[in-house]
């Protein structure tokens, strides 16, 4: 069973969500005029979910999938589908099994696996231990519980899994917020069949110098290692960035501290990272900077720290506020201002160049979740925690004129690996190449292709020649060993 501290902390997390819901204010959206269109694609009504967590994922059928923390048939959260036309359907309501053995309260976006199924985690549920689960979900809504956390009093495997990501070896890697040997959470690997291995227990160093309480999965970088963030721990207790090998070799690569006044221009409490094709890492922080409102930072491949932007108003970046790199090479994210006492309260979808030129693309009071997704039609999709006809949240679409693309799943793998290539209008495609090297492929439908990483391929763009033109992948595909 989770210890008293864990139970108290989870209660605080739920109280924070309840506080945000109580103060939700909905107004119409203000959007820049230059060839941009923002629209609510779908509105939640409670039955199909409420308070969506994270963003959405595009699947092989061309539809989008995500989760809500509340709502659904059992009011314990939902996994939903949204069509490109805006039809929203709950395909699974969590807590449908006895003692919520199938989980409750998911807080992170599911990811698409190499088999075309969705994989994700729930913060709670999982029977009487309430330690959360990792699940597999078919697009038709059939759930398989891969692992139930904290089934023993020690919770050595972790408690409250935050998120998972798909790696080049075909396994999933993720974190738990609590539990582990030192009660600071864990980093774990889990196979598609549910075999879990704890790779690192946070707080294993004195004063949690190695970090603790991660609320996000790591990313896998082009060097094959994993990079991620913790919400606490480190020298000043407000988070670290870490590097971990696939076998669990762990080290801290960046400490954060509280506020620019204390010599901490990069901010504090970091969010997940993203890497560009040159090996530079980019991220955001929830706090710190000039107004304690967070920052956008870069850590170059040479190890240089650069602050690209400091947010100007009170509040914070959404806890799931990772950046993405779109096919124009710029960074995009969602900032959620949760301070209701300063008269502002705006959240926004923003764009920032790698040179630090910042532009707010759309702003509202509906608490935009992060990250945003760039789908294969070139548009951005995401969710708001509030707003919509019933104030249960929305799925939105933001068009900025970017071109269509394709996306490989996973985004890295060895020669001989079969990958999924998502896209639109793929029927009749005549060629698939990995950085110029022709690959064997089959067109499975108008929205996805299966291709085999060819011998001689090197890291670079995947290109698909369709009847309407050539589409290139974003991000680039990394050929691993």
Protein backbone atom coordinates (compact mmCIF):
# COMPACT_ATOMS: atom_id res chain seq x y z
CA UNK A 1 0.00 0.00 0.00
CA UNK A 2 1.26 3.53 -0.63
CA UNK A 3 2.66 5.12 2.49
CA UNK A 4 1.05 8.07 4.24
CA UNK A 5 3.21 10.63 2.45
CA UNK A 6 2.31 9.22 -0.95
CA UNK A 7 -1.40 9.28 -0.15
CA UNK A 8 -1.16 12.86 1.05
CA UNK A 9 0.73 13.94 -2.07
CA UNK A 10 -1.77 12.25 -4.39
CA UNK A 11 -4.58 14.02 -2.52
CA UNK A 12 -2.78 17.31 -3.08
CA UNK A 13 -2.55 16.54 -6.79
CA UNK A 14 -6.29 15.89 -6.96
CA UNK A 15 -7.01 18.99 -4.89
CA UNK A 16 -4.97 21.08 -7.33
CA UNK A 17 -7.08 19.80 -10.22
CA UNK A 18 -10.25 20.53 -8.28
CA UNK A 19 -9.05 24.06 -7.53
CA UNK A 20 -8.32 24.69 -11.19
CA UNK A 21 -11.74 23.40 -12.18
CA UNK A 22 -13.45 25.64 -9.66
CA UNK A 23 -11.79 28.72 -11.07
CA UNK A 24 -12.26 27.92 -14.75
CA UNK A 25 -13.35 30.94 -16.82
CA UNK A 26 -14.31 30.57 -20.44
CA UNK A 27 -14.07 33.35 -22.99
CA UNK A 28 -13.77 33.48 -26.75
CA UNK A 29 -10.32 32.90 -28.25
CA UNK A 30 -8.10 35.63 -29.63
CA UNK A 31 -5.94 34.54 -32.57
CA UNK A 32 -3.40 36.31 -34.72
CA UNK A 33 -4.81 37.32 -38.07
CA UNK A 34 -1.98 36.21 -40.35
CA UNK A 35 -3.35 33.10 -42.11
CA UNK A 36 -4.09 31.23 -38.89
CA UNK A 37 -7.28 29.48 -37.88
CA UNK A 38 -8.09 28.18 -34.40
CA UNK A 39 -11.25 26.16 -33.81
CA UNK A 40 -12.71 23.82 -31.23
CA UNK A 41 -12.80 20.51 -33.07
CA UNK A 42 -14.81 18.73 -30.36
CA UNK A 43 -16.40 19.49 -26.99
CA UNK A 44 -16.53 17.07 -24.07
CA UNK A 45 -19.89 16.55 -22.36
CA UNK A 46 -18.82 14.58 -19.29
CA UNK A 47 -20.14 11.25 -20.50
CA UNK A 48 -17.36 11.06 -23.07
CA UNK A 49 -14.90 12.50 -20.57
CA UNK A 50 -13.96 15.70 -18.78
CA UNK A 51 -10.71 17.47 -17.93
CA UNK A 52 -8.54 15.99 -20.71
CA UNK A 53 -4.95 15.27 -19.75
CA UNK A 54 -2.12 16.00 -22.14
CA UNK A 55 -2.59 16.15 -25.89
CA UNK A 56 -3.80 13.67 -28.53
CA UNK A 57 -2.10 10.93 -30.54
CA UNK A 58 -2.72 10.17 -34.21
CA UNK A 59 -3.31 6.48 -34.92
CA UNK A 60 -3.25 4.28 -38.01
CA UNK A 61 -6.91 4.93 -38.80
CA UNK A 62 -6.25 8.67 -39.13
CA UNK A 63 -8.23 9.50 -35.99
CA UNK A 64 -6.93 11.12 -32.81
CA UNK A 65 -6.89 9.53 -29.36
CA UNK A 66 -6.39 10.90 -25.86
CA UNK A 67 -7.48 10.58 -22.25
CA UNK A 68 -9.47 12.54 -19.70
CA UNK A 69 -8.79 12.56 -15.98
CA UNK A 70 -12.48 12.67 -15.04
CA UNK A 71 -15.73 11.74 -16.77
CA UNK A 72 -16.66 8.68 -18.75
CA UNK A 73 -19.29 6.17 -17.69
CA UNK A 74 -17.69 5.72 -14.26
CA UNK A 75 -16.50 9.32 -13.76
CA UNK A 76 -12.95 7.99 -13.33
CA UNK A 77 -11.57 8.95 -16.71
CA UNK A 78 -11.96 8.02 -20.34
CA UNK A 79 -9.92 7.09 -23.40
CA UNK A 80 -11.52 8.91 -26.31
CA UNK A 81 -11.39 9.03 -30.10
CA UNK A 82 -11.86 12.19 -32.15
CA UNK A 83 -12.27 12.02 -35.92
CA UNK A 84 -10.76 14.73 -38.15
CA UNK A 85 -14.34 15.91 -38.66
CA UNK A 86 -14.83 16.45 -34.93
CA UNK A 87 -16.90 13.46 -33.80
CA UNK A 88 -15.84 12.52 -30.28
CA UNK A 89 -16.45 9.07 -28.78
CA UNK A 90 -15.39 7.48 -25.51
CA UNK A 91 -13.98 4.11 -26.50
CA UNK A 92 -13.16 3.07 -22.92
CA UNK A 93 -14.23 4.21 -19.45
CA UNK A 94 -11.66 3.47 -16.76
CA UNK A 95 -12.67 1.86 -13.48
CA UNK A 96 -14.98 -0.54 -15.35
CA UNK A 97 -13.53 -3.50 -13.46
CA UNK A 98 -13.87 -4.43 -9.79
CA UNK A 99 -11.78 -2.18 -7.48
CA UNK A 100 -10.78 -0.17 -10.55
CA UNK A 101 -8.35 -2.93 -11.50
CA UNK A 102 -8.23 -1.36 -14.99
CA UNK A 103 -7.01 1.96 -13.60
CA UNK A 104 -8.44 5.43 -13.06
CA UNK A 105 -7.39 9.03 -13.56
CA UNK A 106 -5.04 8.90 -16.58
CA UNK A 107 -2.98 12.09 -16.85
CA UNK A 108 -0.83 11.49 -19.93
CA UNK A 109 -1.43 10.99 -23.65
CA UNK A 110 -1.29 7.36 -24.83
CA UNK A 111 1.35 6.51 -27.42
CA UNK A 112 1.01 4.48 -30.60
CA UNK A 113 2.89 1.20 -30.55
CA UNK A 114 4.56 -0.59 -33.46
CA UNK A 115 1.61 -3.02 -33.48
CA UNK A 116 -0.92 -0.23 -34.03
CA UNK A 117 -2.29 -0.37 -30.49
CA UNK A 118 -2.25 2.39 -27.90
CA UNK A 119 -0.13 2.19 -24.74
CA UNK A 120 -0.45 4.37 -21.68
CA UNK A 121 -0.61 4.69 -17.91
CA UNK A 122 -3.14 5.66 -15.28
CA UNK A 123 -2.23 7.64 -12.20
CA UNK A 124 -4.46 5.60 -9.89
CA UNK A 125 -6.58 2.49 -9.76
CA UNK A 126 -5.15 -0.95 -10.20
CA UNK A 127 -7.03 -2.66 -7.41
CA UNK A 128 -6.85 -1.97 -3.68
CA UNK A 129 -3.24 -0.75 -3.88
CA UNK A 130 -4.33 2.19 -6.07
CA UNK A 131 -0.83 2.35 -7.51
CA UNK A 132 -1.87 2.77 -11.14
CA UNK A 133 -1.34 0.60 -14.20
CA UNK A 134 0.29 0.44 -17.62
CA UNK A 135 -2.22 -0.67 -20.25
CA UNK A 136 -2.54 -1.64 -23.90
CA UNK A 137 -5.67 -0.53 -25.73
CA UNK A 138 -6.88 -1.53 -29.17
CA UNK A 139 -8.43 1.19 -31.32
CA UNK A 140 -11.71 -0.60 -30.72
CA UNK A 141 -11.46 -0.10 -26.96
CA UNK A 142 -10.28 -3.51 -25.72
CA UNK A 143 -7.95 -3.09 -22.74
CA UNK A 144 -5.09 -5.33 -21.57
CA UNK A 145 -3.50 -4.58 -18.20
CA UNK A 146 0.26 -4.95 -18.69
CA UNK A 147 1.37 -4.11 -15.16
CA UNK A 148 -0.22 -3.13 -11.86
CA UNK A 149 1.99 -1.01 -9.60
CA UNK A 150 2.49 -1.09 -5.84
CA UNK A 151 0.93 -4.48 -5.21
CA UNK A 152 3.31 -4.99 -2.27
CA UNK A 153 3.69 -2.67 0.72
CA UNK A 154 7.22 -1.66 -0.34
CA UNK A 155 6.08 -0.39 -3.77
CA UNK A 156 9.55 -1.11 -5.13
CA UNK A 157 8.25 -1.01 -8.71
CA UNK A 158 6.86 2.49 -8.17
CA UNK A 159 3.52 4.15 -7.56
CA UNK A 160 1.47 6.50 -9.78
CA UNK A 161 2.96 5.97 -13.26
CA UNK A 162 3.13 9.23 -15.16
CA UNK A 163 3.67 8.28 -18.81
CA UNK A 164 5.39 5.87 -21.22
CA UNK A 165 7.25 6.28 -24.51
CA UNK A 166 8.15 3.85 -27.32
CA UNK A 167 11.88 3.25 -27.81
CA UNK A 168 13.89 1.91 -30.73
CA UNK A 169 14.19 -1.54 -29.10
CA UNK A 170 10.40 -1.97 -29.22
CA UNK A 171 10.00 -1.59 -25.45
CA UNK A 172 8.36 1.22 -23.51
CA UNK A 173 10.10 3.40 -20.96
CA UNK A 174 8.42 5.51 -18.31
CA UNK A 175 8.44 6.93 -14.81
CA UNK A 176 6.42 6.79 -11.62
CA UNK A 177 5.87 9.85 -9.43
CA UNK A 178 6.04 7.97 -6.12
CA UNK A 179 7.31 4.64 -4.84
CA UNK A 180 10.53 2.85 -5.56
CA UNK A 181 13.23 1.84 -3.12
CA UNK A 182 13.67 5.40 -1.83
CA UNK A 183 10.05 6.61 -2.28
CA UNK A 184 11.01 9.20 -4.89
CA UNK A 185 9.64 7.38 -7.92
CA UNK A 186 11.20 5.09 -10.50
CA UNK A 187 12.40 4.86 -14.08
CA UNK A 188 11.22 1.63 -15.65
CA UNK A 189 11.21 -0.43 -18.85
CA UNK A 190 8.20 -2.54 -19.82
CA UNK A 191 7.90 -4.90 -22.76
CA UNK A 192 4.79 -5.00 -24.97
CA UNK A 193 3.81 -8.18 -23.11
CA UNK A 194 4.11 -6.58 -19.68
CA UNK A 195 7.51 -7.62 -18.30
CA UNK A 196 8.62 -4.68 -16.14
CA UNK A 197 12.17 -3.83 -15.06
CA UNK A 198 13.04 -0.98 -12.68
CA UNK A 199 16.09 0.77 -14.12
CA UNK A 200 16.54 3.50 -11.51
CA UNK A 201 14.96 4.50 -8.20
CA UNK A 202 15.01 8.25 -7.68
CA UNK A 203 16.31 9.69 -4.38
CA UNK A 204 19.04 7.04 -4.31
CA UNK A 205 21.60 9.77 -3.56
CA UNK A 206 21.83 11.89 -0.41
CA UNK A 207 19.23 14.68 -0.28
CA UNK A 208 17.72 13.29 -3.52
CA UNK A 209 20.57 14.82 -5.52
CA UNK A 210 19.62 12.50 -8.40
CA UNK A 211 16.12 14.00 -8.53
CA UNK A 212 12.71 12.75 -7.49
CA UNK A 213 9.07 12.75 -8.58
CA UNK A 214 9.09 12.69 -12.38
CA UNK A 215 5.74 13.41 -14.04
CA UNK A 216 6.79 12.56 -17.60
CA UNK A 217 8.44 9.86 -19.68
CA UNK A 218 11.98 10.46 -20.98
CA UNK A 219 12.80 10.93 -24.64
CA UNK A 220 15.24 8.75 -26.55
CA UNK A 221 17.92 10.89 -28.17
CA UNK A 222 19.91 10.22 -31.33
CA UNK A 223 22.74 8.71 -29.24
CA UNK A 224 20.33 5.99 -28.07
CA UNK A 225 20.27 7.21 -24.46
CA UNK A 226 17.25 8.53 -22.58
CA UNK A 227 16.90 12.08 -21.32
CA UNK A 228 14.24 13.34 -18.95
CA UNK A 229 13.24 15.64 -16.12
CA UNK A 230 12.18 15.42 -12.48
CA UNK A 231 9.94 17.82 -10.62
CA UNK A 232 11.95 17.72 -7.41
CA UNK A 233 15.32 16.84 -6.03
CA UNK A 234 18.70 18.02 -7.18
CA UNK A 235 20.96 20.54 -5.48
CA UNK A 236 18.15 23.04 -4.82
CA UNK A 237 15.23 20.63 -4.61
CA UNK A 238 13.41 21.94 -7.71
CA UNK A 239 14.32 19.37 -10.33
CA UNK A 240 17.04 17.98 -12.56
CA UNK A 241 17.60 16.80 -16.09
CA UNK A 242 19.03 13.31 -16.32
CA UNK A 243 20.64 10.96 -18.83
CA UNK A 244 20.06 7.21 -18.64
CA UNK A 245 21.40 4.37 -20.75
CA UNK A 246 19.15 1.51 -21.84
CA UNK A 247 20.69 -0.64 -19.10
CA UNK A 248 20.03 1.90 -16.35
CA UNK A 249 23.28 3.84 -16.16
CA UNK A 250 22.15 7.14 -14.68
CA UNK A 251 23.59 10.62 -14.20
CA UNK A 252 22.33 14.17 -13.64
CA UNK A 253 23.21 16.54 -16.48
CA UNK A 254 21.52 19.72 -15.23
CA UNK A 255 20.44 21.08 -11.85
CA UNK A 256 17.78 23.75 -11.52
CA UNK A 257 17.28 26.27 -8.75
CA UNK A 258 14.63 28.73 -7.71
CA UNK A 259 14.38 32.08 -9.47
CA UNK A 260 16.63 34.36 -11.50
CA UNK A 261 17.40 36.40 -8.36
CA UNK A 262 19.29 33.39 -7.05
CA UNK A 263 21.41 33.00 -10.15
CA UNK A 264 18.98 30.59 -11.87
CA UNK A 265 18.12 32.15 -15.22
CA UNK A 266 17.09 28.78 -16.70
CA UNK A 267 14.16 28.50 -14.29
CA UNK A 268 13.01 25.70 -12.01
CA UNK A 269 10.85 22.55 -12.17
CA UNK A 270 11.62 21.40 -15.73
CA UNK A 271 9.23 19.80 -18.20
CA UNK A 272 10.08 17.05 -20.75
CA UNK A 273 12.69 17.60 -23.44
CA UNK A 274 12.80 17.53 -27.23
CA UNK A 275 15.88 17.13 -29.46
CA UNK A 276 16.56 18.63 -32.87
CA UNK A 277 18.45 17.03 -35.75
CA UNK A 278 21.70 18.65 -34.60
CA UNK A 279 21.55 17.05 -31.16
CA UNK A 280 20.49 20.16 -29.23
CA UNK A 281 17.99 19.70 -26.39
CA UNK A 282 15.11 22.11 -25.74
CA UNK A 283 12.69 22.34 -22.85
CA UNK A 284 10.54 24.53 -20.64
CA UNK A 285 10.28 25.11 -16.91
CA UNK A 286 7.13 25.66 -14.90
CA UNK A 287 8.65 28.36 -12.70
CA UNK A 288 11.64 30.67 -12.48
CA UNK A 289 12.68 33.26 -15.01
CA UNK A 290 12.00 36.97 -14.69
CA UNK A 291 8.43 36.67 -13.37
CA UNK A 292 8.57 33.18 -11.87
CA UNK A 293 6.42 32.18 -14.83
CA UNK A 294 8.78 29.75 -16.50
CA UNK A 295 11.31 29.72 -19.32
CA UNK A 296 12.19 28.13 -22.63
CA UNK A 297 15.78 26.86 -22.62
CA UNK A 298 18.28 25.09 -24.84
CA UNK A 299 21.19 22.83 -23.95
CA UNK A 300 23.39 22.63 -27.01
CA UNK A 301 25.13 19.47 -28.17
CA UNK A 302 28.33 21.07 -26.84
CA UNK A 303 26.76 21.46 -23.39
CA UNK A 304 26.07 25.22 -23.45
CA UNK A 305 23.01 26.49 -21.54
CA UNK A 306 20.91 29.12 -23.33
CA UNK A 307 17.71 30.82 -22.12
CA UNK A 308 15.56 31.44 -25.21
CA UNK A 309 12.53 33.03 -23.53
CA UNK A 310 11.18 34.07 -20.14
CA UNK A 311 7.41 34.15 -19.76
CA UNK A 312 6.00 37.50 -18.75
CA UNK A 313 2.94 36.89 -16.55
CA UNK A 314 2.17 35.09 -13.32
CA UNK A 315 1.24 31.44 -13.46
CA UNK A 316 3.00 28.47 -14.97
CA UNK A 317 3.57 26.27 -17.96
CA UNK A 318 1.25 23.29 -17.94
CA UNK A 319 2.87 20.29 -16.18
CA UNK A 320 2.76 18.29 -19.42
CA UNK A 321 4.20 21.21 -21.35
CA UNK A 322 6.85 19.65 -23.55
CA UNK A 323 7.84 21.42 -26.75
CA UNK A 324 7.62 19.89 -30.20
CA UNK A 325 9.66 20.71 -33.30
CA UNK A 326 7.39 21.12 -36.31
CA UNK A 327 8.33 20.57 -39.95
CA UNK A 328 9.22 24.27 -40.34
CA UNK A 329 12.04 23.75 -37.83
CA UNK A 330 10.45 25.93 -35.14
CA UNK A 331 9.41 24.98 -31.62
CA UNK A 332 5.77 24.93 -30.54
CA UNK A 333 4.16 24.53 -27.15
CA UNK A 334 1.25 25.37 -24.87
CA UNK A 335 1.55 27.69 -21.88
CA UNK A 336 -1.15 27.52 -19.21
CA UNK A 337 -1.38 30.45 -16.81
CA UNK A 338 -2.93 29.07 -13.64
CA UNK A 339 -2.74 32.27 -11.59
CA UNK A 340 -6.21 33.73 -11.15
CA UNK A 341 -5.30 36.64 -8.87
CA UNK A 342 -3.35 38.81 -11.28
CA UNK A 343 -6.16 39.73 -13.66
CA UNK A 344 -4.56 37.96 -16.61
CA UNK A 345 -4.97 34.20 -16.55
CA UNK A 346 -4.17 33.73 -20.22
CA UNK A 347 -2.94 30.48 -21.68
CA UNK A 348 -1.58 30.28 -25.21
CA UNK A 349 -0.25 28.14 -28.02
CA UNK A 350 3.10 29.64 -28.89
CA UNK A 351 5.85 29.38 -31.48
CA UNK A 352 9.52 30.06 -30.78
CA UNK A 353 12.43 29.84 -33.17
CA UNK A 354 15.73 28.30 -32.17
CA UNK A 355 17.07 31.86 -32.15
CA UNK A 356 14.53 32.77 -29.46
CA UNK A 357 11.93 34.76 -31.45
CA UNK A 358 8.69 34.17 -29.54
CA UNK A 359 5.15 34.50 -30.90
CA UNK A 360 1.86 33.78 -29.13
CA UNK A 361 -0.37 32.19 -31.77
CA UNK A 362 -3.61 31.86 -29.78
CA UNK A 363 -4.68 32.85 -26.27
CA UNK A 364 -7.66 32.05 -24.07
CA UNK A 365 -8.81 31.35 -20.51
CA UNK A 366 -9.48 27.65 -21.10
CA UNK A 367 -6.13 26.35 -19.76
CA UNK A 368 -4.49 24.82 -22.82
CA UNK A 369 -2.80 21.51 -22.14
CA UNK A 370 0.58 20.66 -23.53
CA UNK A 371 2.17 19.45 -25.62
CA UNK A 372 0.51 20.11 -28.94
CA UNK A 373 0.58 17.53 -31.74
CA UNK A 374 1.51 18.32 -35.32
CA UNK A 375 -0.57 15.84 -37.27
CA UNK A 376 0.23 14.54 -40.73
CA UNK A 377 -2.04 17.17 -42.32
CA UNK A 378 0.42 19.80 -41.02
CA UNK A 379 -2.03 21.26 -38.50
CA UNK A 380 -1.67 21.41 -34.72
CA UNK A 381 -4.05 19.61 -32.36
CA UNK A 382 -4.38 19.63 -28.60
CA UNK A 383 -6.77 19.89 -25.68
CA UNK A 384 -7.99 22.46 -23.19
CA UNK A 385 -8.74 21.53 -19.61
CA UNK A 386 -11.87 23.67 -19.57
CA UNK A 387 -14.11 25.45 -22.06
CA UNK A 388 -16.52 24.12 -24.62
CA UNK A 389 -20.29 24.03 -24.48
CA UNK A 390 -20.38 22.35 -21.06
CA UNK A 391 -17.00 23.60 -19.74
CA UNK A 392 -15.65 20.03 -19.63
CA UNK A 393 -12.81 20.81 -22.03
CA UNK A 394 -12.20 20.68 -25.76
CA UNK A 395 -10.04 19.24 -28.50
CA UNK A 396 -8.80 22.07 -30.70
CA UNK A 397 -7.24 22.46 -34.14
CA UNK A 398 -4.84 25.24 -35.08
CA UNK A 399 -3.95 25.76 -38.73
CA UNK A 400 -0.91 27.90 -39.55
CA UNK A 401 -0.34 26.90 -43.18
CA UNK A 402 2.36 24.29 -42.63
CA UNK A 403 2.64 21.53 -45.23
CA UNK A 404 1.50 17.89 -44.81
CA UNK A 405 4.05 15.31 -43.70
CA UNK A 406 4.49 11.68 -42.72
CA UNK A 407 5.54 10.28 -39.35
CA UNK A 408 7.38 7.06 -38.58
CA UNK A 409 6.44 4.91 -35.57
CA UNK A 410 8.80 4.41 -33.86
CA UNK A 411 11.09 7.27 -34.86
CA UNK A 412 14.20 5.12 -34.47
CA UNK A 413 15.14 1.51 -35.13
CA UNK A 414 17.72 -0.82 -36.65
CA UNK A 415 18.00 -2.11 -40.19
CA UNK A 416 15.30 -4.74 -40.74
CA UNK A 417 12.85 -3.08 -38.34
CA UNK A 418 9.26 -2.85 -39.60
CA UNK A 419 7.91 0.62 -38.93
CA UNK A 420 4.54 2.26 -39.36
CA UNK A 421 4.41 5.39 -41.51
CA UNK A 422 1.41 7.60 -40.79
CA UNK A 423 0.07 10.01 -43.39
CA UNK A 424 -2.88 11.10 -45.47
CA UNK A 425 -3.67 10.21 -49.08
CA UNK A 426 -1.21 7.30 -49.08
CA UNK A 427 -3.22 5.02 -51.38
CA UNK A 428 -1.28 4.59 -54.62
CA UNK A 429 2.11 5.53 -53.12
CA UNK A 430 4.95 4.35 -55.33
CA UNK A 431 8.10 4.79 -53.23
CA UNK A 432 9.35 4.85 -49.64
CA UNK A 433 12.96 5.79 -48.93
CA UNK A 434 14.96 6.16 -45.72
CA UNK A 435 17.36 9.06 -46.28
CA UNK A 436 17.38 8.20 -49.97
CA UNK A 437 17.64 4.41 -49.68
CA UNK A 438 14.66 2.53 -51.14
CA UNK A 439 12.64 0.40 -48.74
CA UNK A 440 10.22 -2.48 -49.14
CA UNK A 441 6.74 -1.38 -48.13
CA UNK A 442 3.03 -2.14 -48.24
CA UNK A 443 0.23 0.41 -48.30
CA UNK A 444 -2.12 -0.79 -45.56
CA UNK A 445 -4.68 1.99 -45.95
CA UNK A 446 -5.00 5.59 -47.02
CA UNK A 447 -3.61 6.62 -43.63
CA UNK A 448 -0.68 4.29 -43.01
CA UNK A 449 2.08 2.26 -44.63
CA UNK A 450 4.30 -0.49 -43.26
CA UNK A 451 7.93 -0.29 -44.35
CA UNK A 452 11.14 -2.12 -43.50
CA UNK A 453 14.27 -0.14 -42.66
CA UNK A 454 16.54 -1.04 -45.60
CA UNK A 455 20.14 -2.19 -45.56
CA UNK A 456 22.44 0.79 -46.07
CA UNK A 457 19.98 3.29 -44.61
CA UNK A 458 21.32 6.14 -42.50
CA UNK A 459 19.59 8.58 -40.21
CA UNK A 460 17.52 11.19 -42.02
CA UNK A 461 14.11 11.88 -43.47
CA UNK A 462 11.71 9.16 -44.58
CA UNK A 463 10.21 10.16 -47.95
CA UNK A 464 6.99 8.79 -49.43
CA UNK A 465 6.01 9.45 -53.04
CA UNK A 466 2.21 9.69 -53.12
CA UNK A 467 -0.10 10.46 -56.07
CA UNK A 468 -0.27 14.08 -54.89
CA UNK A 469 3.45 14.58 -54.28
CA UNK A 470 6.36 13.64 -52.02
CA UNK A 471 5.89 13.78 -48.25
CA UNK A 472 8.81 13.89 -45.83
CA UNK A 473 8.88 12.73 -42.23
CA UNK A 474 9.16 14.84 -39.13
CA UNK A 475 11.07 14.15 -37.01
CA UNK A 476 13.85 12.48 -38.93
CA UNK A 477 14.22 8.70 -38.53
CA UNK A 478 17.27 7.57 -36.57
CA UNK A 479 18.85 4.29 -37.73
CA UNK A 480 20.08 2.61 -34.56
CA UNK A 481 22.53 -0.23 -34.12
